[in-house]
Amino acid sequence: MSQVWDPLRKKMVALTPEEKVRQWFIGVLRDSHGVPAHMMMSEASLKFGDKPFRADIVVYGRDLSPLMVVECKREDVQLDRTVLEQALKYNLVLGVEYIVITNGHRTFCFKRTEDETVPFERTESLPDWETMRK
C-alpha cells in the first residue's frame, strides 16, 4: 500500500482513501486558511466516558484550546446526519466553535450559536485561523 507523509504526526502513514481526504484538508487549512501546522493535530485521541475516539483533525488556538474539529470521510461516503453526529460526539469532549465534515468533494462547516435548541448552524464558508480565534 502506498504511503504519504503526515506533516502533523511527522511520519509516513498508509494512504487510505480517508487519509487522502485528511491530507488534502490539512493542506486547505494550512495553505488557504492560515492555520499553522503546529496548531493542528491529526488522529487526535479523545475519550468520552470509557469510550475512546479519534478525531481526524483538531485545530487549536494559541492558548491550546480546541477551536475546530474536522471529520473526514473517503470520497464515496455521503455527508449525512450520521457523519455530523459523529463530529458532534467529538464536540462533547472538545467544546469547539466550529465543526467541519468533508469527503473531499463536499465540505460543510458549522459554527456554534448562542441558541441551546440549535447549538450549531451551517456557515457559507470556512473561517480562516484568525477568525476562528475570535
C-alpha atoms as a PDB file:
ATOM      1  CA  MET A   1       0.000   0.000   0.000  1.00  0.00           C
ATOM      2  CA  SER A   2       1.204   3.497  -0.796  1.00  0.00           C
ATOM      3  CA  GLN A   3       2.196   5.845   1.967  1.00  0.00           C
ATOM      4  CA  VAL A   4       2.051   9.602   2.452  1.00  0.00           C
ATOM      5  CA  TRP A   5       3.857  11.972   4.802  1.00  0.00           C
ATOM      6  CA  ASP A   6       1.573  13.341   7.520  1.00  0.00           C
ATOM      7  CA  PRO A   7       3.062  16.718   8.489  1.00  0.00           C
ATOM      8  CA  LEU A   8       1.080  16.775  11.740  1.00  0.00           C
ATOM      9  CA  ARG A   9       2.064  13.321  13.004  1.00  0.00           C
ATOM     10  CA  LYS A  10       5.505  13.769  11.393  1.00  0.00           C
ATOM     11  CA  LYS A  11       5.588  10.266   9.947  1.00  0.00           C
ATOM     12  CA  MET A  12       4.631   8.214   6.919  1.00  0.00           C
ATOM     13  CA  VAL A  13       1.118   6.773   7.082  1.00  0.00           C
ATOM     14  CA  ALA A  14      -0.857   4.417   4.859  1.00  0.00           C
ATOM     15  CA  LEU A  15      -2.554   6.283   2.006  1.00  0.00           C
ATOM     16  CA  THR A  16      -6.095   5.022   2.551  1.00  0.00           C
ATOM     17  CA  PRO A  17      -8.998   6.779   0.810  1.00  0.00           C
ATOM     18  CA  GLU A  18      -9.845   8.582   4.073  1.00  0.00           C
ATOM     19  CA  GLU A  19      -6.203   9.557   4.635  1.00  0.00           C
ATOM     20  CA  LYS A  20      -6.136  11.094   1.158  1.00  0.00           C
ATOM     21  CA  VAL A  21      -9.024  13.379   2.160  1.00  0.00           C
ATOM     22  CA  ARG A  22      -7.443  14.140   5.553  1.00  0.00           C
ATOM     23  CA  GLN A  23      -4.125  15.169   3.991  1.00  0.00           C
ATOM     24  CA  TRP A  24      -5.904  17.308   1.389  1.00  0.00           C
ATOM     25  CA  PHE A  25      -7.873  19.109   4.100  1.00  0.00           C
ATOM     26  CA  ILE A  26      -4.780  19.669   6.251  1.00  0.00           C
ATOM     27  CA  GLY A  27      -3.352  21.451   3.199  1.00  0.00           C
ATOM     28  CA  VAL A  28      -6.538  23.511   2.780  1.00  0.00           C
ATOM     29  CA  LEU A  29      -6.432  24.633   6.415  1.00  0.00           C
ATOM     30  CA  ARG A  30      -2.708  25.430   6.268  1.00  0.00           C
ATOM     31  CA  ASP A  31      -2.407  26.962   2.797  1.00  0.00           C
ATOM     32  CA  SER A  32      -5.770  28.678   2.282  1.00  0.00           C
ATOM     33  CA  HIS A  33      -6.940  29.444   5.820  1.00  0.00           C
ATOM     34  CA  GLY A  34      -3.693  30.308   7.591  1.00  0.00           C
ATOM     35  CA  VAL A  35      -3.745  27.572  10.214  1.00  0.00           C
ATOM     36  CA  PRO A  36      -0.156  26.892  11.348  1.00  0.00           C
ATOM     37  CA  ALA A  37       0.671  23.184  11.113  1.00  0.00           C
ATOM     38  CA  HIS A  38       1.802  23.165  14.750  1.00  0.00           C
ATOM     39  CA  MET A  39      -1.715  24.300  15.764  1.00  0.00           C
ATOM     40  CA  MET A  40      -3.363  21.213  14.251  1.00  0.00           C
ATOM     41  CA  MET A  41      -3.428  17.573  15.297  1.00  0.00           C
ATOM     42  CA  SER A  42      -4.485  14.623  13.168  1.00  0.00           C
ATOM     43  CA  GLU A  43      -5.916  11.443  14.649  1.00  0.00           C
ATOM     44  CA  ALA A  44      -6.364  13.227  17.991  1.00  0.00           C
ATOM     45  CA  SER A  45      -7.203  10.788  20.788  1.00  0.00           C
ATOM     46  CA  LEU A  46     -10.335  11.636  22.773  1.00  0.00           C
ATOM     47  CA  LYS A  47     -12.221   9.841  25.499  1.00  0.00           C
ATOM     48  CA  PHE A  48     -15.918  10.217  26.317  1.00  0.00           C
ATOM     49  CA  GLY A  49     -16.661   8.254  29.448  1.00  0.00           C
ATOM     50  CA  ASP A  50     -14.899   4.931  28.910  1.00  0.00           C
ATOM     51  CA  LYS A  51     -15.146   5.091  25.127  1.00  0.00           C
ATOM     52  CA  PRO A  52     -12.057   6.153  23.157  1.00  0.00           C
ATOM     53  CA  PHE A  53     -12.418   8.123  19.904  1.00  0.00           C
ATOM     54  CA  ARG A  54     -10.058   9.600  17.312  1.00  0.00           C
ATOM     55  CA  ALA A  55     -10.884  12.932  15.723  1.00  0.00           C
ATOM     56  CA  ASP A  56      -9.486  13.274  12.206  1.00  0.00           C
ATOM     57  CA  ILE A  57      -8.246  16.858  12.649  1.00  0.00           C
ATOM     58  CA  VAL A  58      -8.413  19.256  15.597  1.00  0.00           C
ATOM     59  CA  VAL A  59      -7.413  22.912  15.201  1.00  0.00           C
ATOM     60  CA  TYR A  60      -6.161  24.731  18.310  1.00  0.00           C
ATOM     61  CA  GLY A  61      -5.816  28.371  19.304  1.00  0.00           C
ATOM     62  CA  ARG A  62      -2.639  29.919  20.701  1.00  0.00           C
ATOM     63  CA  ASP A  63      -3.850  29.087  24.213  1.00  0.00           C
ATOM     64  CA  LEU A  64      -4.145  25.444  23.048  1.00  0.00           C
ATOM     65  CA  SER A  65      -7.926  25.445  23.403  1.00  0.00           C
ATOM     66  CA  PRO A  66      -9.643  23.468  20.624  1.00  0.00           C
ATOM     67  CA  LEU A  67     -11.304  25.704  18.024  1.00  0.00           C
ATOM     68  CA  MET A  68     -12.414  23.293  15.303  1.00  0.00           C
ATOM     69  CA  VAL A  69     -12.922  19.572  14.818  1.00  0.00           C
ATOM     70  CA  VAL A  70     -12.909  18.083  11.320  1.00  0.00           C
ATOM     71  CA  GLU A  71     -14.395  14.732  10.381  1.00  0.00           C
ATOM     72  CA  CYS A  72     -13.015  13.389   7.099  1.00  0.00           C
ATOM     73  CA  LYS A  73     -14.690  10.658   5.101  1.00  0.00           C
ATOM     74  CA  ARG A  74     -13.500   8.980   1.948  1.00  0.00           C
ATOM     75  CA  GLU A  75     -14.715  10.455  -1.313  1.00  0.00           C
ATOM     76  CA  ASP A  76     -17.549   7.966  -1.897  1.00  0.00           C
ATOM     77  CA  VAL A  77     -19.174   8.471   1.533  1.00  0.00           C
ATOM     78  CA  GLN A  78     -22.267  10.680   1.682  1.00  0.00           C
ATOM     79  CA  LEU A  79     -22.086  13.518   4.193  1.00  0.00           C
ATOM     80  CA  ASP A  80     -25.291  12.821   6.071  1.00  0.00           C
ATOM     81  CA  ARG A  81     -26.662  13.217   9.573  1.00  0.00           C
ATOM     82  CA  THR A  82     -24.634  10.224  10.815  1.00  0.00           C
ATOM     83  CA  VAL A  83     -21.359  11.916   9.850  1.00  0.00           C
ATOM     84  CA  LEU A  84     -22.412  15.170  11.530  1.00  0.00           C
ATOM     85  CA  GLU A  85     -23.488  13.291  14.662  1.00  0.00           C
ATOM     86  CA  GLN A  86     -20.049  11.661  14.811  1.00  0.00           C
ATOM     87  CA  ALA A  87     -18.395  15.105  14.802  1.00  0.00           C
ATOM     88  CA  LEU A  88     -20.914  16.388  17.369  1.00  0.00           C
ATOM     89  CA  LYS A  89     -19.937  13.482  19.619  1.00  0.00           C
ATOM     90  CA  TYR A  90     -16.308  14.633  19.491  1.00  0.00           C
ATOM     91  CA  ASN A  91     -17.514  18.100  20.380  1.00  0.00           C
ATOM     92  CA  LEU A  92     -18.925  16.783  23.663  1.00  0.00           C
ATOM     93  CA  VAL A  93     -15.289  16.348  24.697  1.00  0.00           C
ATOM     94  CA  LEU A  94     -13.750  19.309  22.851  1.00  0.00           C
ATOM     95  CA  GLY A  95     -16.310  22.134  23.084  1.00  0.00           C
ATOM     96  CA  VAL A  96     -15.249  23.740  19.775  1.00  0.00           C
ATOM     97  CA  GLU A  97     -16.643  26.789  17.967  1.00  0.00           C
ATOM     98  CA  TYR A  98     -16.530  25.110  14.531  1.00  0.00           C
ATOM     99  CA  ILE A  99     -17.351  21.643  13.214  1.00  0.00           C
ATOM    100  CA  VAL A 100     -16.412  20.606   9.679  1.00  0.00           C
ATOM    101  CA  ILE A 101     -17.326  17.469   7.766  1.00  0.00           C
ATOM    102  CA  THR A 102     -15.756  16.714   4.393  1.00  0.00           C
ATOM    103  CA  ASN A 103     -15.376  13.928   1.858  1.00  0.00           C
ATOM    104  CA  GLY A 104     -13.056  15.878  -0.433  1.00  0.00           C
ATOM    105  CA  HIS A 105     -15.863  16.694  -2.873  1.00  0.00           C
ATOM    106  CA  ARG A 106     -18.180  18.449  -0.452  1.00  0.00           C
ATOM    107  CA  THR A 107     -17.335  20.282   2.745  1.00  0.00           C
ATOM    108  CA  PHE A 108     -19.775  21.646   5.309  1.00  0.00           C
ATOM    109  CA  CYS A 109     -18.830  23.992   8.130  1.00  0.00           C
ATOM    110  CA  PHE A 110     -20.966  24.644  11.216  1.00  0.00           C
ATOM    111  CA  LYS A 111     -20.488  27.412  13.795  1.00  0.00           C
ATOM    112  CA  ARG A 112     -21.618  27.336  17.415  1.00  0.00           C
ATOM    113  CA  THR A 113     -24.657  29.507  18.160  1.00  0.00           C
ATOM    114  CA  GLU A 114     -25.994  31.070  21.347  1.00  0.00           C
ATOM    115  CA  ASP A 115     -29.256  29.119  20.896  1.00  0.00           C
ATOM    116  CA  GLU A 116     -29.259  25.970  23.048  1.00  0.00           C
ATOM    117  CA  THR A 117     -32.019  24.406  20.942  1.00  0.00           C
ATOM    118  CA  VAL A 118     -29.891  24.764  17.775  1.00  0.00           C
ATOM    119  CA  PRO A 119     -26.298  24.679  19.055  1.00  0.00           C
ATOM    120  CA  PHE A 120     -24.649  24.819  15.584  1.00  0.00           C
ATOM    121  CA  GLU A 121     -25.664  26.419  12.297  1.00  0.00           C
ATOM    122  CA  ARG A 122     -24.208  25.892   8.856  1.00  0.00           C
ATOM    123  CA  THR A 123     -21.951  28.665   7.578  1.00  0.00           C
ATOM    124  CA  GLU A 124     -21.394  29.681   3.983  1.00  0.00           C
ATOM    125  CA  SER A 125     -17.614  29.456   4.173  1.00  0.00           C
ATOM    126  CA  LEU A 126     -14.755  28.055   6.165  1.00  0.00           C
ATOM    127  CA  PRO A 127     -13.210  30.656   8.501  1.00  0.00           C
ATOM    128  CA  ASP A 128      -9.514  31.470   8.490  1.00  0.00           C
ATOM    129  CA  TRP A 129      -7.489  30.834  11.642  1.00  0.00           C
ATOM    130  CA  GLU A 130      -7.627  34.477  12.785  1.00  0.00           C
ATOM    131  CA  THR A 131     -11.451  34.423  12.578  1.00  0.00           C
ATOM    132  CA  MET A 132     -11.614  31.100  14.426  1.00  0.00           C
ATOM    133  CA  ARG A 133      -9.650  32.589  17.299  1.00  0.00           C
ATOM    134  CA  LYS A 134     -12.105  35.495  17.888  1.00  0.00           C
END
